[in-house]
N, C-alpha and C. Protein backbone atom coordinates (compact mmCIF):
# COMPACT_ATOMS: atom_id res chain seq x y z
N MET A 1 1.62 -12.01 -14.80
CA MET A 1 0.18 -11.78 -15.49
C MET A 1 0.37 -12.04 -16.69
N THR A 2 -0.69 -12.95 -17.33
CA THR A 2 -0.59 -13.38 -18.70
C THR A 2 -1.17 -12.23 -19.60
N HIS A 3 -0.91 -12.17 -20.66
CA HIS A 3 -1.71 -11.28 -21.67
C HIS A 3 -3.18 -11.61 -21.74
N GLU A 4 -3.85 -12.70 -21.45
CA GLU A 4 -5.22 -12.91 -21.42
C GLU A 4 -5.65 -12.26 -20.09
N GLU A 5 -5.05 -12.47 -19.32
CA GLU A 5 -5.45 -11.69 -17.81
C GLU A 5 -5.41 -10.16 -17.83
N ILE A 6 -4.57 -9.61 -18.54
CA ILE A 6 -4.30 -8.15 -18.68
C ILE A 6 -5.53 -7.76 -19.57
N LYS A 7 -5.87 -8.31 -20.60
CA LYS A 7 -6.88 -8.20 -21.34
C LYS A 7 -8.33 -8.22 -20.45
N ARG A 8 -8.33 -9.15 -19.67
CA ARG A 8 -9.72 -9.27 -19.00
C ARG A 8 -9.78 -8.23 -18.02
N HIS A 9 -8.73 -7.92 -17.17
CA HIS A 9 -8.68 -6.64 -16.14
C HIS A 9 -9.14 -5.19 -16.89
N ARG A 10 -8.49 -5.16 -18.25
CA ARG A 10 -8.82 -4.02 -18.76
C ARG A 10 -10.24 -3.88 -19.27
N THR A 11 -10.84 -5.05 -19.57
CA THR A 11 -12.38 -5.07 -20.06
C THR A 11 -13.12 -5.04 -18.73
N GLU A 12 -12.70 -5.32 -17.58
CA GLU A 12 -13.73 -5.11 -16.41
C GLU A 12 -13.44 -3.72 -15.77
N SER A 13 -12.22 -2.99 -16.37
CA SER A 13 -11.94 -1.71 -15.83
C SER A 13 -12.93 -0.79 -16.72
N ILE A 14 -12.90 -1.00 -18.10
CA ILE A 14 -13.89 -0.13 -18.84
C ILE A 14 -15.27 -0.39 -18.63
N LEU A 15 -15.77 -1.75 -18.31
CA LEU A 15 -17.23 -2.02 -17.96
C LEU A 15 -17.64 -1.11 -16.65
N LYS A 16 -16.75 -1.33 -15.64
CA LYS A 16 -16.95 -0.43 -14.56
C LYS A 16 -17.25 1.17 -14.59
N GLU A 17 -16.77 1.52 -15.81
CA GLU A 17 -16.79 3.05 -16.26
C GLU A 17 -18.19 3.21 -17.15
N ILE A 18 -18.37 2.09 -18.01
CA ILE A 18 -19.49 2.46 -19.11
C ILE A 18 -20.78 1.81 -18.66
N ILE A 19 -20.72 0.86 -17.62
CA ILE A 19 -22.26 0.49 -17.33
C ILE A 19 -23.08 1.43 -16.60
N PRO A 20 -22.30 2.16 -15.42
CA PRO A 20 -23.21 3.29 -15.08
C PRO A 20 -23.80 4.23 -16.05
N GLU A 21 -23.06 4.50 -16.98
CA GLU A 21 -23.30 5.37 -18.20
C GLU A 21 -24.64 4.87 -18.86
N ALA A 22 -24.49 3.61 -19.00
CA ALA A 22 -25.66 3.01 -19.68
C ALA A 22 -26.95 2.93 -18.90
N LEU A 23 -26.76 2.69 -17.51
CA LEU A 23 -27.84 2.77 -16.66
C LEU A 23 -28.41 4.20 -16.46
N ALA A 24 -27.62 5.24 -16.54
CA ALA A 24 -28.18 6.63 -16.47
C ALA A 24 -29.00 6.86 -17.62
N THR A 25 -28.88 6.20 -18.80
CA THR A 25 -29.71 6.53 -19.91
C THR A 25 -31.13 5.96 -19.96
N LEU A 26 -31.36 5.08 -18.86
CA LEU A 26 -32.40 4.34 -18.73
C LEU A 26 -33.89 5.26 -18.25
N ASP A 27 -35.01 4.87 -18.48
CA ASP A 27 -35.93 5.77 -17.82
C ASP A 27 -36.30 5.42 -16.44
N ASP A 28 -36.12 4.16 -16.17
CA ASP A 28 -36.53 3.62 -14.86
C ASP A 28 -35.78 4.34 -13.54
N GLU A 29 -36.21 5.00 -12.61
CA GLU A 29 -35.45 5.70 -11.70
C GLU A 29 -34.80 4.70 -10.75
N ARG A 30 -35.67 3.47 -10.45
CA ARG A 30 -35.08 2.66 -9.55
C ARG A 30 -33.42 2.10 -10.03
N ILE A 31 -33.43 1.76 -11.17
CA ILE A 31 -32.13 1.22 -11.62
C ILE A 31 -31.00 2.46 -12.16
N ARG A 32 -31.71 3.68 -12.54
CA ARG A 32 -30.83 4.59 -12.95
C ARG A 32 -29.80 4.95 -11.88
N GLY A 33 -30.22 5.01 -10.81
CA GLY A 33 -29.48 5.62 -9.54
C GLY A 33 -28.49 4.45 -9.04
N LEU A 34 -28.55 3.20 -9.51
CA LEU A 34 -27.64 2.20 -8.99
C LEU A 34 -26.10 2.36 -9.28
N SER A 35 -25.36 2.11 -8.43
CA SER A 35 -23.82 2.31 -8.71
C SER A 35 -23.24 1.04 -8.64
N VAL A 36 -22.30 0.80 -9.47
CA VAL A 36 -21.47 -0.36 -9.98
C VAL A 36 -20.38 -0.61 -9.01
N THR A 37 -20.11 -1.30 -8.08
CA THR A 37 -19.05 -1.54 -7.12
C THR A 37 -17.91 -2.60 -7.81
N ASP A 38 -18.17 -3.35 -8.70
CA ASP A 38 -17.35 -4.30 -9.32
C ASP A 38 -17.83 -4.75 -10.54
N VAL A 39 -16.86 -5.17 -11.52
CA VAL A 39 -17.40 -6.22 -12.51
C VAL A 39 -16.24 -7.30 -12.57
N VAL A 40 -16.67 -8.45 -12.74
CA VAL A 40 -15.69 -9.57 -12.80
C VAL A 40 -16.17 -10.47 -14.14
N CYS A 41 -15.22 -10.44 -15.23
CA CYS A 41 -15.43 -11.19 -16.23
C CYS A 41 -15.10 -12.65 -16.21
N SER A 42 -15.59 -13.37 -16.73
CA SER A 42 -15.21 -14.82 -16.96
C SER A 42 -13.89 -14.92 -17.69
N LYS A 43 -13.29 -16.14 -17.61
CA LYS A 43 -11.77 -16.34 -18.34
C LYS A 43 -11.89 -15.80 -19.84
N GLY A 44 -12.90 -16.22 -20.71
CA GLY A 44 -12.97 -15.90 -22.07
C GLY A 44 -13.67 -14.61 -22.35
N ARG A 45 -14.38 -13.86 -21.17
CA ARG A 45 -14.72 -12.57 -21.36
C ARG A 45 -16.32 -12.78 -21.96
N PHE A 46 -16.84 -13.71 -21.97
CA PHE A 46 -18.09 -13.98 -22.66
C PHE A 46 -19.21 -13.45 -21.72
N ASP A 47 -18.77 -13.66 -20.23
CA ASP A 47 -19.85 -13.30 -19.34
C ASP A 47 -19.17 -12.55 -18.26
N ALA A 48 -20.00 -11.52 -17.68
CA ALA A 48 -19.55 -10.57 -16.66
C ALA A 48 -20.55 -10.65 -15.69
N LYS A 49 -20.22 -10.75 -14.41
CA LYS A 49 -21.04 -10.34 -13.24
C LYS A 49 -20.86 -8.94 -12.92
N VAL A 50 -21.99 -8.39 -12.72
CA VAL A 50 -21.85 -6.97 -12.40
C VAL A 50 -22.40 -6.89 -10.76
N TYR A 51 -21.53 -6.45 -10.01
CA TYR A 51 -21.86 -6.15 -8.53
C TYR A 51 -22.32 -4.66 -8.42
N LEU A 52 -23.62 -4.53 -7.85
CA LEU A 52 -24.14 -3.21 -7.45
C LEU A 52 -24.36 -2.82 -6.08
N ASP A 53 -24.18 -1.68 -5.75
CA ASP A 53 -24.28 -1.34 -4.40
C ASP A 53 -25.83 -1.43 -3.85
N THR A 54 -26.02 -1.86 -2.80
CA THR A 54 -27.45 -2.12 -2.07
C THR A 54 -28.11 -0.58 -1.87
N SER A 55 -27.24 0.37 -1.91
CA SER A 55 -27.73 1.80 -1.74
C SER A 55 -29.10 1.75 -0.84
N PHE A 56 -28.93 1.08 0.20
CA PHE A 56 -30.19 1.03 1.30
C PHE A 56 -31.43 0.77 0.62
N LEU A 57 -31.52 -0.09 -0.39
CA LEU A 57 -32.65 -0.69 -0.91
C LEU A 57 -33.11 -1.90 -0.02
N THR A 58 -34.40 -1.99 0.17
CA THR A 58 -35.05 -3.13 0.88
C THR A 58 -34.80 -4.46 -0.13
N GLN A 59 -35.02 -5.65 0.75
CA GLN A 59 -35.00 -6.86 -0.11
C GLN A 59 -35.99 -6.86 -1.30
N LYS A 60 -37.00 -6.55 -1.10
CA LYS A 60 -38.12 -6.27 -2.27
C LYS A 60 -37.73 -5.46 -3.27
N GLU A 61 -37.10 -4.27 -3.02
CA GLU A 61 -36.78 -3.41 -4.04
C GLU A 61 -35.55 -3.87 -4.80
N GLN A 62 -34.55 -4.53 -4.12
CA GLN A 62 -33.48 -5.25 -4.81
C GLN A 62 -33.85 -6.25 -5.94
N ASN A 63 -34.89 -7.15 -5.35
CA ASN A 63 -35.52 -8.11 -6.38
C ASN A 63 -36.09 -7.64 -7.39
N GLU A 64 -36.89 -6.31 -7.27
CA GLU A 64 -37.57 -5.71 -8.34
C GLU A 64 -36.35 -5.25 -9.30
N ALA A 65 -35.41 -4.51 -8.78
CA ALA A 65 -34.20 -3.96 -9.71
C ALA A 65 -33.57 -5.13 -10.39
N LEU A 66 -33.12 -6.01 -9.76
CA LEU A 66 -32.72 -7.18 -10.53
C LEU A 66 -33.63 -7.83 -11.68
N ARG A 67 -34.96 -7.82 -11.34
CA ARG A 67 -35.96 -8.21 -12.51
C ARG A 67 -35.86 -7.20 -13.54
N GLN A 68 -35.94 -5.92 -13.35
CA GLN A 68 -35.69 -5.04 -14.42
C GLN A 68 -34.33 -4.96 -15.21
N LEU A 69 -33.28 -5.38 -14.33
CA LEU A 69 -32.03 -5.30 -15.10
C LEU A 69 -31.81 -6.40 -16.06
N ARG A 70 -32.62 -7.51 -15.85
CA ARG A 70 -32.55 -8.75 -16.51
C ARG A 70 -33.21 -8.48 -17.82
N ILE A 71 -34.31 -7.66 -17.78
CA ILE A 71 -34.95 -7.17 -19.00
C ILE A 71 -34.22 -6.44 -19.76
N VAL A 72 -33.56 -5.34 -19.15
CA VAL A 72 -32.70 -4.45 -20.14
C VAL A 72 -31.23 -4.81 -20.26
N SER A 73 -30.98 -6.00 -19.95
CA SER A 73 -29.67 -6.15 -19.90
C SER A 73 -29.14 -6.38 -21.35
N GLY A 74 -29.86 -6.65 -22.40
CA GLY A 74 -29.53 -6.65 -23.72
C GLY A 74 -29.20 -5.27 -24.10
N TYR A 75 -30.26 -4.26 -23.66
CA TYR A 75 -29.90 -2.91 -24.27
C TYR A 75 -28.43 -2.40 -23.53
N ILE A 76 -28.21 -2.87 -22.21
CA ILE A 76 -27.16 -2.27 -21.76
C ILE A 76 -25.72 -2.86 -22.43
N GLN A 77 -25.81 -4.18 -22.67
CA GLN A 77 -24.92 -4.86 -23.60
C GLN A 77 -24.48 -4.08 -24.87
N ASN A 78 -25.62 -3.67 -25.65
CA ASN A 78 -25.68 -2.97 -26.98
C ASN A 78 -24.92 -1.59 -26.82
N ASN A 79 -25.41 -1.08 -25.67
CA ASN A 79 -24.94 0.33 -25.33
C ASN A 79 -23.17 -0.07 -25.14
N CYS A 80 -22.83 -0.93 -24.44
CA CYS A 80 -21.40 -1.08 -24.18
C CYS A 80 -20.57 -1.36 -25.59
N LYS A 81 -21.24 -2.21 -26.39
CA LYS A 81 -20.59 -2.51 -27.50
C LYS A 81 -20.42 -1.28 -28.41
N GLN A 82 -21.37 -0.40 -28.56
CA GLN A 82 -21.43 0.58 -29.39
C GLN A 82 -20.34 1.73 -28.95
N SER A 83 -20.45 1.91 -27.51
CA SER A 83 -19.45 3.04 -27.04
C SER A 83 -18.09 2.72 -27.09
N GLU A 84 -17.81 1.41 -27.06
CA GLU A 84 -16.28 0.97 -27.04
C GLU A 84 -16.08 0.43 -28.62
N GLY A 85 -16.84 0.35 -29.55
CA GLY A 85 -16.58 -0.15 -30.83
C GLY A 85 -16.30 -1.56 -30.67
N TRP A 86 -16.90 -2.28 -29.82
CA TRP A 86 -16.44 -3.77 -29.67
C TRP A 86 -17.49 -4.63 -30.63
N PHE A 87 -17.01 -5.73 -31.12
CA PHE A 87 -17.64 -6.59 -31.98
C PHE A 87 -18.82 -7.30 -31.10
N LYS A 88 -18.44 -7.70 -29.94
CA LYS A 88 -19.50 -8.32 -28.90
C LYS A 88 -19.10 -7.84 -27.44
N ALA A 89 -20.00 -7.86 -26.73
CA ALA A 89 -19.92 -7.47 -25.19
C ALA A 89 -20.33 -8.76 -24.47
N PRO A 90 -19.63 -8.74 -23.21
CA PRO A 90 -19.97 -9.94 -22.42
C PRO A 90 -21.62 -9.79 -21.89
N ARG A 91 -22.10 -11.20 -21.61
CA ARG A 91 -23.45 -11.09 -21.07
C ARG A 91 -23.48 -10.90 -19.74
N PHE A 92 -24.25 -9.95 -19.28
CA PHE A 92 -24.17 -9.56 -17.91
C PHE A 92 -25.23 -10.49 -17.06
N THR A 93 -24.64 -10.61 -15.88
CA THR A 93 -25.37 -11.02 -14.75
C THR A 93 -25.38 -10.07 -13.58
N PHE A 94 -26.35 -9.61 -13.15
CA PHE A 94 -26.39 -8.46 -12.03
C PHE A 94 -26.56 -9.24 -10.69
N GLU A 95 -25.85 -8.63 -9.65
CA GLU A 95 -26.13 -9.11 -8.35
C GLU A 95 -25.90 -8.02 -7.37
N PHE A 96 -26.24 -7.85 -6.07
CA PHE A 96 -26.06 -6.89 -5.24
C PHE A 96 -25.09 -7.15 -4.34
N ASP A 97 -24.18 -6.32 -3.97
CA ASP A 97 -22.83 -6.42 -3.49
C ASP A 97 -23.09 -6.30 -2.07
N HIS A 98 -23.09 -7.50 -1.20
CA HIS A 98 -23.35 -7.26 0.10
C HIS A 98 -21.99 -7.37 0.93
N GLN A 99 -20.98 -7.29 0.19
CA GLN A 99 -19.70 -7.31 0.99
C GLN A 99 -19.44 -6.12 1.92
N LEU A 100 -19.83 -4.86 1.39
CA LEU A 100 -19.72 -3.58 2.09
C LEU A 100 -20.46 -3.84 3.37
N GLU A 101 -21.65 -4.34 3.48
CA GLU A 101 -22.47 -4.49 4.60
C GLU A 101 -21.75 -5.41 5.78
N LYS A 102 -21.05 -6.44 5.14
CA LYS A 102 -20.21 -7.42 6.01
C LYS A 102 -19.21 -6.62 6.58
N VAL A 103 -18.46 -6.01 5.72
CA VAL A 103 -17.37 -5.33 6.44
C VAL A 103 -17.78 -4.28 7.44
N SER A 104 -18.87 -3.48 7.24
CA SER A 104 -19.23 -2.71 8.13
C SER A 104 -19.72 -3.38 9.43
N ARG A 105 -20.54 -4.56 9.42
CA ARG A 105 -20.77 -5.21 10.54
C ARG A 105 -19.54 -5.81 11.51
N ILE A 106 -18.39 -6.06 10.56
CA ILE A 106 -17.21 -6.64 11.23
C ILE A 106 -16.52 -5.43 12.03
N GLU A 107 -16.44 -4.22 11.53
CA GLU A 107 -15.68 -3.02 11.84
C GLU A 107 -16.80 -2.75 13.24
N ASP A 108 -17.96 -2.80 13.19
CA ASP A 108 -18.73 -2.42 14.32
C ASP A 108 -18.55 -3.47 15.40
N LEU A 109 -18.22 -4.72 15.07
CA LEU A 109 -17.96 -5.70 16.22
C LEU A 109 -16.61 -5.37 16.78
N PHE A 110 -15.69 -5.14 16.07
CA PHE A 110 -14.36 -4.74 16.55
C PHE A 110 -14.38 -3.48 17.30
N LYS A 111 -15.31 -2.52 17.18
CA LYS A 111 -15.28 -1.31 17.93
C LYS A 111 -15.98 -1.74 19.41
N GLN A 112 -17.05 -2.81 19.20
CA GLN A 112 -17.64 -3.24 20.53
C GLN A 112 -16.52 -4.11 21.29
N ILE A 113 -15.76 -4.79 20.81
CA ILE A 113 -14.88 -5.48 21.51
C ILE A 113 -13.61 -4.57 22.06
N GLU A 114 -13.28 -3.57 21.20
CA GLU A 114 -12.45 -2.54 21.83
C GLU A 114 -12.90 -1.75 23.11
N GLY A 115 -14.22 -1.46 22.95
CA GLY A 115 -14.83 -0.83 23.97
C GLY A 115 -14.98 -1.68 25.23
N ARG A 116 -15.21 -2.77 25.14
CA ARG A 116 -15.35 -3.88 26.28
C ARG A 116 -13.89 -3.93 26.79
N ASN A 117 -12.92 -4.03 26.11
CA ASN A 117 -11.42 -4.33 26.55
C ASN A 117 -10.98 -3.06 27.22
N LYS A 118 -11.46 -1.77 26.76
CA LYS A 118 -11.24 -0.45 27.55
C LYS A 118 -11.97 -0.30 28.96
N ILE A 119 -13.19 -0.85 29.03
CA ILE A 119 -14.00 -0.89 30.14
C ILE A 119 -13.08 -1.89 31.24
N LYS A 120 -12.88 -3.10 30.83
CA LYS A 120 -12.02 -4.16 31.70
C LYS A 120 -10.74 -3.54 32.11
N ASP A 121 -10.05 -2.95 31.35
CA ASP A 121 -8.74 -2.34 31.58
C ASP A 121 -8.86 -1.07 32.67
N GLU A 122 -9.99 -0.34 32.59
CA GLU A 122 -10.23 0.61 33.60
C GLU A 122 -10.71 0.08 34.81
N GLU A 123 -11.50 -1.14 34.88
CA GLU A 123 -11.84 -1.78 36.05
C GLU A 123 -10.68 -2.52 36.77
N SER A 124 -9.75 -2.83 36.04
CA SER A 124 -8.46 -3.44 36.73
C SER A 124 -7.52 -2.69 37.27
């Protein structure tokens, strides 16, 4: 792992901790309760994708939350800069992480397959 990769991973780790703190300071209840599942910085650490847990939000609520996050992204960026004493912080892009839903669906499918295999074994 190169020195630059280590710095990027360290920045991602720090952002995973301080972005939820910045979100908690906002007045909007819809985005205050969002949890960050992952942060992925670009190679030069100028941009960062922030992945959020869907938290049982409907598609309409997710779209509204993303719209609000785009509005307050500058505030969150400044909050991160100030809390860490950085000269600049990455520009944030927010997305909802649907990976957890996919994993859950796959696990359900495996359970269904296992159940069918048990039934077939019992019939044999």
